[in-house]
Amino acid sequence: MTDNVLVTDENRVRTIRMNRPEKKNAITRAMYSAMAEALETANADVVRVVVLAGAPGAFSAGNDMMDFMEAPPHIGGGDMPPVERFMRALVGCEKPVIAAVDGLAVGIGTTLLLHCDLAYATKRSMFTTPFVNLALAPEFGSSQILPGIVGRVVATELLLLGEKWDAETAAAKLLINKTLPEDDFETAVMEIAARIAGLAPGAVQAAKKLINTPAEDLFARIEREGEIFAGQLRSDEFKEAATAFMERRAPDFSRFG
């Protein structure tokens, strides 16, 4: 473990905070391992939402270059490096993951957003992936995912030219959901997390899984949705939702999951 990653659980929301502000949250192997463990255990723990955060003014400056050069990762080349473990844990997290970006999001600090379910940023945030500038190449599916979101030529601005996007540009190009005021940024993000944590956990996880299932034949997807829908109709979660509707009150899903 490392003191450079802080993990806290409150009201079924797990916050994973990169805590190396003196290095603008440049990520070390130890930090990747700590964040991976926090994500992996979230699947089994009584956690409904995960929030990834950094320090004020610095979400992450990307990989710590000294640490990176000591053990350059080879993805799929043998022993799994900590960065791959982290990204696999992020992709495989069954609970919704929200990124709270305040300040720099460089390299993997931007790449990881493509694997979060929601992402919010302050107006002082900046996004860039300077891989080609460092004689490297895009990473962790960004060359496939980003063009699908913003289009090929726009993705080329970020992934090949290494251009810097401010928060408004990132929101306009759908890299993040929207910008939020700096003064109460984390409070606003936590309010969103609390909204999700208050929903039926089985339904939330089912929706996330469907949203992230690769494209398939439309009728195959309709059948997949129908099977899950039917299962939810038989669930205690739905019984609570239906009862609450009939009783004209807000449903209480606190006893589930």
Protein backbone atom coordinates (compact mmCIF):
# COMPACT_ATOMS: atom_id res chain seq x y z
CA MET A 1 0.00 0.00 0.00
CA THR A 2 1.01 3.64 -0.28
CA ASP A 3 0.10 6.90 1.41
CA ASN A 4 -0.09 8.42 -2.08
CA VAL A 5 -3.54 6.88 -2.55
CA LEU A 6 -6.31 7.49 -0.02
CA VAL A 7 -9.36 5.22 -0.01
CA THR A 8 -12.44 6.17 1.99
CA ASP A 9 -15.96 4.72 2.13
CA GLU A 10 -18.92 6.87 3.15
CA ASN A 11 -22.62 6.28 2.52
CA ARG A 12 -21.75 3.43 0.14
CA VAL A 13 -19.57 5.68 -1.99
CA ARG A 14 -15.89 4.73 -2.27
CA THR A 15 -13.52 7.60 -3.00
CA ILE A 16 -10.12 6.68 -4.43
CA ARG A 17 -7.96 9.78 -4.20
CA MET A 18 -4.53 10.21 -5.74
CA ASN A 19 -2.61 12.01 -3.01
CA ARG A 20 0.76 13.09 -4.38
CA PRO A 21 0.17 16.80 -4.95
CA GLU A 22 3.85 17.72 -4.76
CA LYS A 23 4.33 15.71 -7.99
CA LYS A 24 0.98 16.76 -9.49
CA ASN A 25 -0.24 13.23 -8.87
CA ALA A 26 2.23 11.59 -11.24
CA ILE A 27 1.32 7.93 -10.81
CA THR A 28 3.80 5.32 -9.57
CA ARG A 29 3.55 1.54 -9.72
CA ALA A 30 2.64 1.48 -6.03
CA MET A 31 -0.18 3.93 -6.68
CA TYR A 32 -1.52 1.83 -9.56
CA SER A 33 -1.50 -1.26 -7.33
CA ALA A 34 -3.33 0.54 -4.52
CA MET A 35 -5.99 1.92 -6.86
CA ALA A 36 -6.39 -1.48 -8.53
CA GLU A 37 -7.02 -3.15 -5.18
CA ALA A 38 -9.57 -0.50 -4.21
CA LEU A 39 -11.45 -1.05 -7.48
CA GLU A 40 -11.26 -4.85 -7.30
CA THR A 41 -12.59 -5.02 -3.75
CA ALA A 42 -15.39 -2.57 -4.59
CA ASN A 43 -17.08 -5.35 -6.54
CA ALA A 44 -17.48 -7.46 -3.41
CA ASP A 45 -17.79 -4.73 -0.76
CA VAL A 46 -21.00 -2.93 0.16
CA VAL A 47 -20.09 -0.10 -2.19
CA ARG A 48 -22.48 1.23 -4.81
CA VAL A 49 -20.41 3.95 -6.50
CA VAL A 50 -16.70 4.68 -6.92
CA VAL A 51 -15.30 8.20 -7.29
CA LEU A 52 -11.79 8.70 -8.71
CA ALA A 53 -10.33 12.02 -7.58
CA GLY A 54 -7.04 13.87 -7.29
CA ALA A 55 -5.69 16.91 -5.50
CA PRO A 56 -6.98 20.45 -6.06
CA GLY A 57 -5.51 21.67 -9.33
CA ALA A 58 -3.99 18.33 -10.32
CA PHE A 59 -6.00 15.25 -11.18
CA SER A 60 -2.92 13.51 -12.58
CA ALA A 61 0.17 14.51 -14.54
CA GLY A 62 0.31 10.98 -15.95
CA ASN A 63 2.96 8.36 -15.27
CA ASP A 64 5.85 9.18 -12.98
CA MET A 65 8.62 9.07 -15.61
CA MET A 66 11.41 7.93 -13.26
CA ASP A 67 9.27 5.12 -11.90
CA PHE A 68 8.03 4.35 -15.43
CA MET A 69 11.57 4.01 -16.82
CA GLU A 70 12.67 1.71 -13.99
CA ALA A 71 10.17 -0.91 -15.18
CA PRO A 72 8.61 0.00 -18.55
CA PRO A 73 5.31 -1.89 -18.80
CA HIS A 74 4.74 -4.45 -21.57
CA ILE A 75 1.00 -4.94 -21.77
CA GLY A 76 0.22 -8.56 -22.57
CA GLY A 77 3.91 -9.44 -22.54
CA GLY A 78 4.12 -11.65 -19.46
CA ASP A 79 3.76 -10.66 -15.82
CA MET A 80 0.97 -8.10 -15.51
CA PRO A 81 2.38 -4.63 -14.70
CA PRO A 82 0.56 -2.56 -12.06
CA VAL A 83 -0.80 -0.09 -14.65
CA GLU A 84 -2.45 -2.94 -16.55
CA ARG A 85 -3.90 -4.36 -13.35
CA PHE A 86 -5.35 -0.93 -12.57
CA MET A 87 -6.87 -0.45 -16.02
CA ARG A 88 -8.33 -3.96 -16.03
CA ALA A 89 -9.83 -3.28 -12.61
CA LEU A 90 -11.30 -0.02 -13.88
CA VAL A 91 -12.78 -1.62 -16.99
CA GLY A 92 -14.07 -4.56 -14.98
CA CYS A 93 -15.55 -2.60 -12.07
CA GLU A 94 -19.18 -3.65 -11.70
CA LYS A 95 -20.11 -0.47 -9.84
CA PRO A 96 -20.45 2.91 -11.60
CA VAL A 97 -17.20 4.89 -11.59
CA ILE A 98 -17.23 8.69 -11.59
CA ALA A 99 -14.10 10.71 -12.41
CA ALA A 100 -13.75 14.05 -10.61
CA VAL A 101 -11.14 16.04 -12.54
CA ASP A 102 -9.80 19.27 -11.10
CA GLY A 103 -6.75 20.55 -12.96
CA LEU A 104 -4.22 18.62 -15.02
CA ALA A 105 -5.26 15.35 -16.68
CA VAL A 106 -2.24 14.25 -18.70
CA GLY A 107 -1.64 10.96 -20.50
CA ILE A 108 -3.26 8.18 -18.55
CA GLY A 109 -5.05 10.90 -16.55
CA THR A 110 -7.10 11.46 -19.71
CA THR A 111 -7.06 7.88 -21.03
CA LEU A 112 -8.71 6.49 -17.90
CA LEU A 113 -11.68 8.82 -18.37
CA LEU A 114 -12.68 6.77 -21.42
CA HIS A 115 -13.30 3.83 -19.08
CA CYS A 116 -15.28 5.72 -16.42
CA ASP A 117 -19.07 5.85 -16.50
CA LEU A 118 -19.31 9.57 -15.76
CA ALA A 119 -16.71 12.35 -15.72
CA TYR A 120 -16.93 15.90 -14.41
CA ALA A 121 -14.33 18.65 -14.34
CA THR A 122 -13.70 22.16 -13.11
CA LYS A 123 -13.16 24.93 -15.64
CA ARG A 124 -9.47 25.10 -14.77
CA SER A 125 -8.95 21.50 -15.92
CA MET A 126 -6.84 20.62 -18.94
CA PHE A 127 -6.70 17.38 -20.91
CA THR A 128 -3.87 16.15 -23.11
CA THR A 129 -2.37 12.86 -24.30
CA PRO A 130 1.17 13.71 -25.46
CA PHE A 131 2.14 10.15 -26.35
CA VAL A 132 3.46 10.84 -29.85
CA ASN A 133 5.33 13.88 -28.50
CA LEU A 134 7.21 11.41 -26.27
CA ALA A 135 7.80 9.00 -29.18
CA LEU A 136 5.13 6.68 -27.80
CA ALA A 137 1.67 5.61 -29.02
CA PRO A 138 -1.89 5.72 -27.62
CA GLU A 139 -2.76 3.29 -24.84
CA PHE A 140 -5.50 1.18 -23.29
CA GLY A 141 -8.03 1.26 -26.09
CA SER A 142 -7.98 5.03 -26.55
CA SER A 143 -7.23 4.70 -30.28
CA GLN A 144 -10.53 2.81 -30.66
CA ILE A 145 -12.77 4.39 -28.02
CA LEU A 146 -12.00 8.07 -28.56
CA PRO A 147 -12.66 8.11 -32.34
CA GLY A 148 -15.98 6.41 -31.61
CA ILE A 149 -16.91 9.28 -29.29
CA VAL A 150 -15.53 12.36 -31.04
CA GLY A 151 -14.81 11.16 -34.59
CA ARG A 152 -11.52 10.16 -36.19
CA VAL A 153 -10.18 13.58 -37.16
CA VAL A 154 -10.99 15.14 -33.79
CA ALA A 155 -9.43 12.19 -31.95
CA THR A 156 -6.31 12.72 -34.04
CA GLU A 157 -5.95 16.20 -32.53
CA LEU A 158 -5.61 14.70 -29.08
CA LEU A 159 -3.92 11.36 -29.78
CA LEU A 160 -1.48 12.36 -32.55
CA LEU A 161 -0.93 16.09 -32.21
CA GLY A 162 -1.14 15.98 -28.42
CA GLU A 163 -3.25 19.13 -28.34
CA LYS A 164 -4.51 20.49 -25.04
CA TRP A 165 -8.25 20.66 -24.47
CA ASP A 166 -9.68 22.93 -21.81
CA ALA A 167 -12.69 21.74 -19.83
CA GLU A 168 -15.24 23.46 -22.07
CA THR A 169 -13.70 21.85 -25.16
CA ALA A 170 -13.63 18.47 -23.43
CA ALA A 171 -17.32 18.81 -22.55
CA ALA A 172 -18.26 19.99 -26.05
CA LYS A 173 -16.45 16.99 -27.56
CA LEU A 174 -18.09 14.60 -25.05
CA LEU A 175 -14.89 13.55 -23.28
CA ILE A 176 -16.54 14.63 -20.01
CA ASN A 177 -20.17 15.13 -19.03
CA LYS A 178 -19.90 18.78 -18.03
CA THR A 179 -18.00 21.33 -16.00
CA LEU A 180 -18.90 22.15 -12.41
CA PRO A 181 -17.96 25.19 -10.28
CA GLU A 182 -14.60 24.93 -8.52
CA ASP A 183 -15.84 26.22 -5.15
CA ASP A 184 -18.08 23.26 -4.39
CA PHE A 185 -16.81 20.84 -7.04
CA GLU A 186 -16.40 17.71 -4.96
CA THR A 187 -19.63 18.41 -3.08
CA ALA A 188 -21.45 18.51 -6.42
CA VAL A 189 -19.78 15.28 -7.58
CA MET A 190 -20.67 13.56 -4.32
CA GLU A 191 -24.29 14.64 -4.74
CA ILE A 192 -24.32 12.86 -8.10
CA ALA A 193 -22.69 9.81 -6.51
CA ALA A 194 -25.31 9.87 -3.74
CA ARG A 195 -28.10 9.91 -6.32
CA ILE A 196 -26.70 6.75 -7.88
CA ALA A 197 -26.07 5.14 -4.48
CA GLY A 198 -29.74 5.70 -3.66
CA LEU A 199 -30.96 3.74 -6.68
CA ALA A 200 -31.67 0.01 -6.83
CA PRO A 201 -28.16 -1.50 -6.95
CA GLY A 202 -29.09 -4.51 -9.07
CA ALA A 203 -30.76 -2.32 -11.66
CA VAL A 204 -27.79 0.07 -11.68
CA GLN A 205 -25.30 -2.73 -12.27
CA ALA A 206 -27.52 -4.25 -14.96
CA ALA A 207 -27.77 -0.91 -16.76
CA LYS A 208 -24.00 -0.38 -16.59
CA LYS A 209 -23.35 -3.86 -17.98
CA LEU A 210 -25.77 -3.31 -20.87
CA ILE A 211 -24.35 0.12 -21.70
CA ASN A 212 -20.84 -1.32 -21.84
CA THR A 213 -21.70 -4.45 -23.81
CA PRO A 214 -20.17 -4.21 -27.31
CA ALA A 215 -22.49 -3.49 -30.23
CA GLU A 216 -24.45 -6.50 -31.49
CA ASP A 217 -27.42 -7.33 -33.66
CA LEU A 218 -30.30 -5.09 -32.56
CA PHE A 219 -32.72 -7.93 -31.90
CA ALA A 220 -30.04 -9.80 -29.97
CA ARG A 221 -29.69 -6.73 -27.77
CA ILE A 222 -33.46 -6.42 -27.37
CA GLU A 223 -33.60 -10.05 -26.23
CA ARG A 224 -30.68 -9.51 -23.86
CA GLU A 225 -32.41 -6.47 -22.37
CA GLY A 226 -35.70 -8.35 -22.16
CA GLU A 227 -34.15 -11.17 -20.17
CA ILE A 228 -32.62 -8.76 -17.68
CA PHE A 229 -35.83 -6.71 -17.57
CA ALA A 230 -37.84 -9.85 -16.75
CA GLY A 231 -35.39 -10.73 -14.00
CA GLN A 232 -35.73 -7.28 -12.47
CA LEU A 233 -39.52 -7.57 -12.59
CA ARG A 234 -39.19 -10.58 -10.28
CA SER A 235 -36.75 -8.87 -7.95
CA ASP A 236 -37.33 -7.50 -4.47
CA GLU A 237 -35.97 -4.21 -5.77
CA PHE A 238 -38.87 -3.89 -8.17
CA LYS A 239 -41.35 -4.92 -5.49
CA GLU A 240 -40.08 -2.03 -3.35
CA ALA A 241 -40.25 0.39 -6.30
CA ALA A 242 -43.80 -0.67 -7.19
CA THR A 243 -44.97 -0.54 -3.57
CA ALA A 244 -43.47 2.90 -3.12
CA PHE A 245 -45.19 4.10 -6.28
CA MET A 246 -48.57 2.84 -5.06
CA GLU A 247 -47.98 4.36 -1.62
CA ARG A 248 -46.85 7.65 -3.18
CA ARG A 249 -43.50 7.71 -1.42
CA ALA A 250 -39.86 7.55 -2.43
CA PRO A 251 -38.52 3.99 -2.71
CA ASP A 252 -35.99 2.84 -0.12
CA PHE A 253 -33.32 0.62 -1.60
CA SER A 254 -30.98 0.86 1.41
CA ARG A 255 -31.44 -2.81 2.39
CA PHE A 256 -30.33 -4.14 -0.97
CA GLY A 257 -26.84 -5.09 -2.07
